[in-house]
Amino acid sequence: MGKKSKSKSSSSAIALNKKARHDYFIEETFEAGLALQGWEVKSLREGKVNLAESYVLLKNGEAFLFGCHISPLVSASTHVVADPLRTRKLLLHNHELAKLFRGVEQQGHTVVALKLYWKKSLIKLEVALAKGKKQHDKRATEKEREWNKTKERIMKHSV
């Protein structure tokens, strides 16, 4: 009887929205569950998802994910009509929803989807309360990133 080794980490990313961190200042993050259908879970296991154009809409005390494209597998069941861009409900606690609603009421704040990942056997979505960046903010972030890389190179060669 040998030991079992973990082949996957318990929190592995399925999809990232890299554009969100470029376009927004992330102020607070939340972990939300997703109401999914069976074919969607199978597609997520294969990594057939795109979060780039997705956004979160708050309506009637609930949160919904729009624009997340989950491609159906070729081997999907024939009796299920697969809609890749279907609206998916986000599962959040009431106090988290209240924080999001209060944050969106402030000018310039929005809710964005950052990362889709596995947490044990569940699929979770990291959503964030964010404020939009202006063009000069994006340039400043890029300059700071480049300076940090240059600093690392200098420190590496001097030691």
C-alpha atoms as a PDB file:
ATOM      1  CA  MET A   1       0.000   0.000   0.000  1.00  0.00           C
ATOM      2  CA  GLY A   2       1.869   3.036  -1.263  1.00  0.00           C
ATOM      3  CA  LYS A   3       1.184   6.671  -0.563  1.00  0.00           C
ATOM      4  CA  LYS A   4      -1.049   8.590  -2.955  1.00  0.00           C
ATOM      5  CA  SER A   5       0.507  11.715  -4.353  1.00  0.00           C
ATOM      6  CA  LYS A   6      -1.476  14.722  -5.414  1.00  0.00           C
ATOM      7  CA  SER A   7      -1.256  15.235  -9.152  1.00  0.00           C
ATOM      8  CA  LYS A   8      -3.042  18.592  -9.104  1.00  0.00           C
ATOM      9  CA  SER A   9      -2.973  21.448  -6.666  1.00  0.00           C
ATOM     10  CA  SER A  10      -6.251  22.016  -4.845  1.00  0.00           C
ATOM     11  CA  SER A  11      -6.625  25.522  -6.304  1.00  0.00           C
ATOM     12  CA  SER A  12      -5.634  25.434  -9.969  1.00  0.00           C
ATOM     13  CA  ALA A  13      -6.648  28.156 -12.402  1.00  0.00           C
ATOM     14  CA  ILE A  14      -8.886  27.286 -15.335  1.00  0.00           C
ATOM     15  CA  ALA A  15      -8.956  30.737 -16.959  1.00  0.00           C
ATOM     16  CA  LEU A  16      -7.565  34.199 -16.180  1.00  0.00           C
ATOM     17  CA  ASN A  17      -8.760  37.635 -17.215  1.00  0.00           C
ATOM     18  CA  LYS A  18      -5.404  39.388 -17.598  1.00  0.00           C
ATOM     19  CA  LYS A  19      -6.997  42.401 -19.263  1.00  0.00           C
ATOM     20  CA  ALA A  20      -8.964  43.209 -16.092  1.00  0.00           C
ATOM     21  CA  ARG A  21      -5.813  43.895 -14.051  1.00  0.00           C
ATOM     22  CA  HIS A  22      -4.551  46.132 -16.860  1.00  0.00           C
ATOM     23  CA  ASP A  23      -7.780  48.133 -17.186  1.00  0.00           C
ATOM     24  CA  TYR A  24      -8.852  48.392 -13.518  1.00  0.00           C
ATOM     25  CA  PHE A  25      -7.552  49.120 -10.024  1.00  0.00           C
ATOM     26  CA  ILE A  26      -8.615  46.063  -8.004  1.00  0.00           C
ATOM     27  CA  GLU A  27      -9.952  47.197  -4.627  1.00  0.00           C
ATOM     28  CA  GLU A  28     -11.565  44.101  -3.093  1.00  0.00           C
ATOM     29  CA  THR A  29     -11.960  40.514  -4.281  1.00  0.00           C
ATOM     30  CA  PHE A  30     -14.694  37.975  -3.602  1.00  0.00           C
ATOM     31  CA  GLU A  31     -14.996  34.240  -4.214  1.00  0.00           C
ATOM     32  CA  ALA A  32     -18.245  33.257  -5.931  1.00  0.00           C
ATOM     33  CA  GLY A  33     -19.685  29.925  -6.910  1.00  0.00           C
ATOM     34  CA  LEU A  34     -21.293  29.423 -10.325  1.00  0.00           C
ATOM     35  CA  ALA A  35     -24.588  27.804 -11.250  1.00  0.00           C
ATOM     36  CA  LEU A  36     -23.485  25.585 -14.162  1.00  0.00           C
ATOM     37  CA  GLN A  37     -24.941  22.844 -16.315  1.00  0.00           C
ATOM     38  CA  GLY A  38     -23.297  19.448 -16.757  1.00  0.00           C
ATOM     39  CA  TRP A  39     -21.892  20.084 -20.233  1.00  0.00           C
ATOM     40  CA  GLU A  40     -20.302  23.322 -18.973  1.00  0.00           C
ATOM     41  CA  VAL A  41     -18.412  21.504 -16.216  1.00  0.00           C
ATOM     42  CA  LYS A  42     -17.094  18.976 -18.740  1.00  0.00           C
ATOM     43  CA  SER A  43     -15.927  21.809 -21.004  1.00  0.00           C
ATOM     44  CA  LEU A  44     -14.259  23.555 -18.062  1.00  0.00           C
ATOM     45  CA  ARG A  45     -12.344  20.362 -17.268  1.00  0.00           C
ATOM     46  CA  GLU A  46     -10.954  20.585 -20.825  1.00  0.00           C
ATOM     47  CA  GLY A  47     -10.178  24.309 -20.374  1.00  0.00           C
ATOM     48  CA  LYS A  48     -12.548  25.473 -23.125  1.00  0.00           C
ATOM     49  CA  VAL A  49     -13.427  28.841 -21.558  1.00  0.00           C
ATOM     50  CA  ASN A  50     -12.730  32.512 -22.273  1.00  0.00           C
ATOM     51  CA  LEU A  51     -13.182  35.188 -19.577  1.00  0.00           C
ATOM     52  CA  ALA A  52     -11.730  38.089 -21.579  1.00  0.00           C
ATOM     53  CA  GLU A  53     -15.017  39.745 -22.590  1.00  0.00           C
ATOM     54  CA  SER A  54     -17.012  38.794 -19.498  1.00  0.00           C
ATOM     55  CA  TYR A  55     -18.536  41.157 -16.946  1.00  0.00           C
ATOM     56  CA  VAL A  56     -20.729  40.926 -13.852  1.00  0.00           C
ATOM     57  CA  LEU A  57     -24.181  42.504 -13.716  1.00  0.00           C
ATOM     58  CA  LEU A  58     -25.936  43.171 -10.412  1.00  0.00           C
ATOM     59  CA  LYS A  59     -29.724  43.046 -10.696  1.00  0.00           C
ATOM     60  CA  ASN A  60     -32.604  42.461  -8.257  1.00  0.00           C
ATOM     61  CA  GLY A  61     -30.282  41.577  -5.379  1.00  0.00           C
ATOM     62  CA  GLU A  62     -28.423  38.939  -7.421  1.00  0.00           C
ATOM     63  CA  ALA A  63     -25.205  38.777  -9.454  1.00  0.00           C
ATOM     64  CA  PHE A  64     -24.938  37.340 -12.968  1.00  0.00           C
ATOM     65  CA  LEU A  65     -21.962  36.593 -15.216  1.00  0.00           C
ATOM     66  CA  PHE A  66     -22.378  37.804 -18.810  1.00  0.00           C
ATOM     67  CA  GLY A  67     -20.147  37.218 -21.813  1.00  0.00           C
ATOM     68  CA  CYS A  68     -18.198  34.262 -20.460  1.00  0.00           C
ATOM     69  CA  HIS A  69     -17.734  31.931 -23.431  1.00  0.00           C
ATOM     70  CA  ILE A  70     -17.697  28.223 -22.554  1.00  0.00           C
ATOM     71  CA  SER A  71     -17.281  26.184 -25.738  1.00  0.00           C
ATOM     72  CA  PRO A  72     -19.320  22.975 -25.825  1.00  0.00           C
ATOM     73  CA  LEU A  73     -17.431  19.758 -26.453  1.00  0.00           C
ATOM     74  CA  VAL A  74     -17.940  17.894 -29.711  1.00  0.00           C
ATOM     75  CA  SER A  75     -18.981  14.825 -27.747  1.00  0.00           C
ATOM     76  CA  ALA A  76     -21.735  16.720 -25.886  1.00  0.00           C
ATOM     77  CA  SER A  77     -25.137  15.123 -25.646  1.00  0.00           C
ATOM     78  CA  THR A  78     -27.440  15.617 -28.639  1.00  0.00           C
ATOM     79  CA  HIS A  79     -30.571  16.298 -26.567  1.00  0.00           C
ATOM     80  CA  VAL A  80     -29.021  19.281 -24.738  1.00  0.00           C
ATOM     81  CA  VAL A  81     -28.956  22.637 -26.506  1.00  0.00           C
ATOM     82  CA  ALA A  82     -25.609  24.178 -25.559  1.00  0.00           C
ATOM     83  CA  ASP A  83     -25.530  27.990 -25.423  1.00  0.00           C
ATOM     84  CA  PRO A  84     -21.867  29.032 -24.991  1.00  0.00           C
ATOM     85  CA  LEU A  85     -22.709  32.633 -23.975  1.00  0.00           C
ATOM     86  CA  ARG A  86     -25.552  31.870 -21.571  1.00  0.00           C
ATOM     87  CA  THR A  87     -26.037  34.067 -18.492  1.00  0.00           C
ATOM     88  CA  ARG A  88     -24.773  32.283 -15.391  1.00  0.00           C
ATOM     89  CA  LYS A  89     -25.853  33.087 -11.845  1.00  0.00           C
ATOM     90  CA  LEU A  90     -23.133  33.828  -9.288  1.00  0.00           C
ATOM     91  CA  LEU A  91     -23.557  32.325  -5.837  1.00  0.00           C
ATOM     92  CA  LEU A  92     -22.528  34.830  -3.165  1.00  0.00           C
ATOM     93  CA  HIS A  93     -23.447  35.446   0.468  1.00  0.00           C
ATOM     94  CA  ASN A  94     -25.879  38.292   1.197  1.00  0.00           C
ATOM     95  CA  HIS A  95     -23.250  40.421   2.955  1.00  0.00           C
ATOM     96  CA  GLU A  96     -20.915  40.050  -0.065  1.00  0.00           C
ATOM     97  CA  LEU A  97     -23.717  41.058  -2.441  1.00  0.00           C
ATOM     98  CA  ALA A  98     -24.455  44.080  -0.229  1.00  0.00           C
ATOM     99  CA  LYS A  99     -20.780  45.162  -0.412  1.00  0.00           C
ATOM    100  CA  LEU A 100     -20.825  44.820  -4.201  1.00  0.00           C
ATOM    101  CA  PHE A 101     -24.062  46.816  -4.537  1.00  0.00           C
ATOM    102  CA  ARG A 102     -22.687  49.589  -2.274  1.00  0.00           C
ATOM    103  CA  GLY A 103     -19.444  49.660  -4.249  1.00  0.00           C
ATOM    104  CA  VAL A 104     -21.164  49.881  -7.641  1.00  0.00           C
ATOM    105  CA  GLU A 105     -23.268  52.814  -6.431  1.00  0.00           C
ATOM    106  CA  GLN A 106     -20.028  54.795  -6.054  1.00  0.00           C
ATOM    107  CA  GLN A 107     -18.978  56.585  -9.204  1.00  0.00           C
ATOM    108  CA  GLY A 108     -16.448  54.762 -11.376  1.00  0.00           C
ATOM    109  CA  HIS A 109     -16.697  51.382  -9.650  1.00  0.00           C
ATOM    110  CA  THR A 110     -17.638  48.155 -11.375  1.00  0.00           C
ATOM    111  CA  VAL A 111     -17.542  44.409 -10.758  1.00  0.00           C
ATOM    112  CA  VAL A 112     -15.196  42.362 -12.966  1.00  0.00           C
ATOM    113  CA  ALA A 113     -14.425  38.652 -13.272  1.00  0.00           C
ATOM    114  CA  LEU A 114     -10.740  37.932 -12.630  1.00  0.00           C
ATOM    115  CA  LYS A 115     -10.146  34.202 -12.452  1.00  0.00           C
ATOM    116  CA  LEU A 116     -11.998  30.909 -12.849  1.00  0.00           C
ATOM    117  CA  TYR A 117     -10.469  28.103 -10.794  1.00  0.00           C
ATOM    118  CA  TRP A 118     -10.986  24.772  -9.046  1.00  0.00           C
ATOM    119  CA  LYS A 119     -11.365  24.673  -5.277  1.00  0.00           C
ATOM    120  CA  LYS A 120     -11.371  21.011  -4.333  1.00  0.00           C
ATOM    121  CA  SER A 121     -14.115  19.649  -6.617  1.00  0.00           C
ATOM    122  CA  LEU A 122     -15.968  22.967  -6.995  1.00  0.00           C
ATOM    123  CA  ILE A 123     -15.607  25.641  -9.648  1.00  0.00           C
ATOM    124  CA  LYS A 124     -15.147  29.139  -8.245  1.00  0.00           C
ATOM    125  CA  LEU A 125     -14.979  32.570  -9.852  1.00  0.00           C
ATOM    126  CA  GLU A 126     -12.899  35.359  -8.355  1.00  0.00           C
ATOM    127  CA  VAL A 127     -14.775  38.634  -8.827  1.00  0.00           C
ATOM    128  CA  ALA A 128     -13.466  42.032  -7.833  1.00  0.00           C
ATOM    129  CA  LEU A 129     -14.818  45.429  -6.998  1.00  0.00           C
ATOM    130  CA  ALA A 130     -12.711  47.622  -9.257  1.00  0.00           C
ATOM    131  CA  LYS A 131     -12.252  51.189 -10.404  1.00  0.00           C
ATOM    132  CA  GLY A 132     -11.385  51.971 -14.024  1.00  0.00           C
ATOM    133  CA  LYS A 133      -7.891  53.190 -14.915  1.00  0.00           C
ATOM    134  CA  LYS A 134      -7.296  56.211 -17.066  1.00  0.00           C
ATOM    135  CA  GLN A 135      -4.750  56.072 -19.899  1.00  0.00           C
ATOM    136  CA  HIS A 136      -2.070  57.879 -17.857  1.00  0.00           C
ATOM    137  CA  ASP A 137      -2.572  55.390 -14.987  1.00  0.00           C
ATOM    138  CA  LYS A 138      -1.943  52.497 -17.382  1.00  0.00           C
ATOM    139  CA  ARG A 139       1.262  54.172 -18.589  1.00  0.00           C
ATOM    140  CA  ALA A 140       2.452  54.722 -15.014  1.00  0.00           C
ATOM    141  CA  THR A 141       1.806  51.065 -14.162  1.00  0.00           C
ATOM    142  CA  GLU A 142       3.769  49.960 -17.233  1.00  0.00           C
ATOM    143  CA  LYS A 143       6.708  52.258 -16.332  1.00  0.00           C
ATOM    144  CA  GLU A 144       6.757  50.922 -12.777  1.00  0.00           C
ATOM    145  CA  ARG A 145       6.744  47.318 -14.026  1.00  0.00           C
ATOM    146  CA  GLU A 146       9.634  48.029 -16.406  1.00  0.00           C
ATOM    147  CA  TRP A 147      11.612  49.796 -13.658  1.00  0.00           C
ATOM    148  CA  ASN A 148      11.162  46.802 -11.340  1.00  0.00           C
ATOM    149  CA  LYS A 149      12.462  44.462 -14.055  1.00  0.00           C
ATOM    150  CA  THR A 150      15.472  46.714 -14.644  1.00  0.00           C
ATOM    151  CA  LYS A 151      16.136  46.884 -10.909  1.00  0.00           C
ATOM    152  CA  GLU A 152      16.062  43.078 -10.694  1.00  0.00           C
ATOM    153  CA  ARG A 153      18.558  42.777 -13.578  1.00  0.00           C
ATOM    154  CA  ILE A 154      20.920  45.297 -11.957  1.00  0.00           C
ATOM    155  CA  MET A 155      20.739  43.536  -8.595  1.00  0.00           C
ATOM    156  CA  LYS A 156      21.287  40.144 -10.213  1.00  0.00           C
ATOM    157  CA  HIS A 157      24.420  41.256 -12.105  1.00  0.00           C
ATOM    158  CA  SER A 158      25.920  43.225  -9.212  1.00  0.00           C
ATOM    159  CA  VAL A 159      25.808  40.318  -6.750  1.00  0.00           C
END
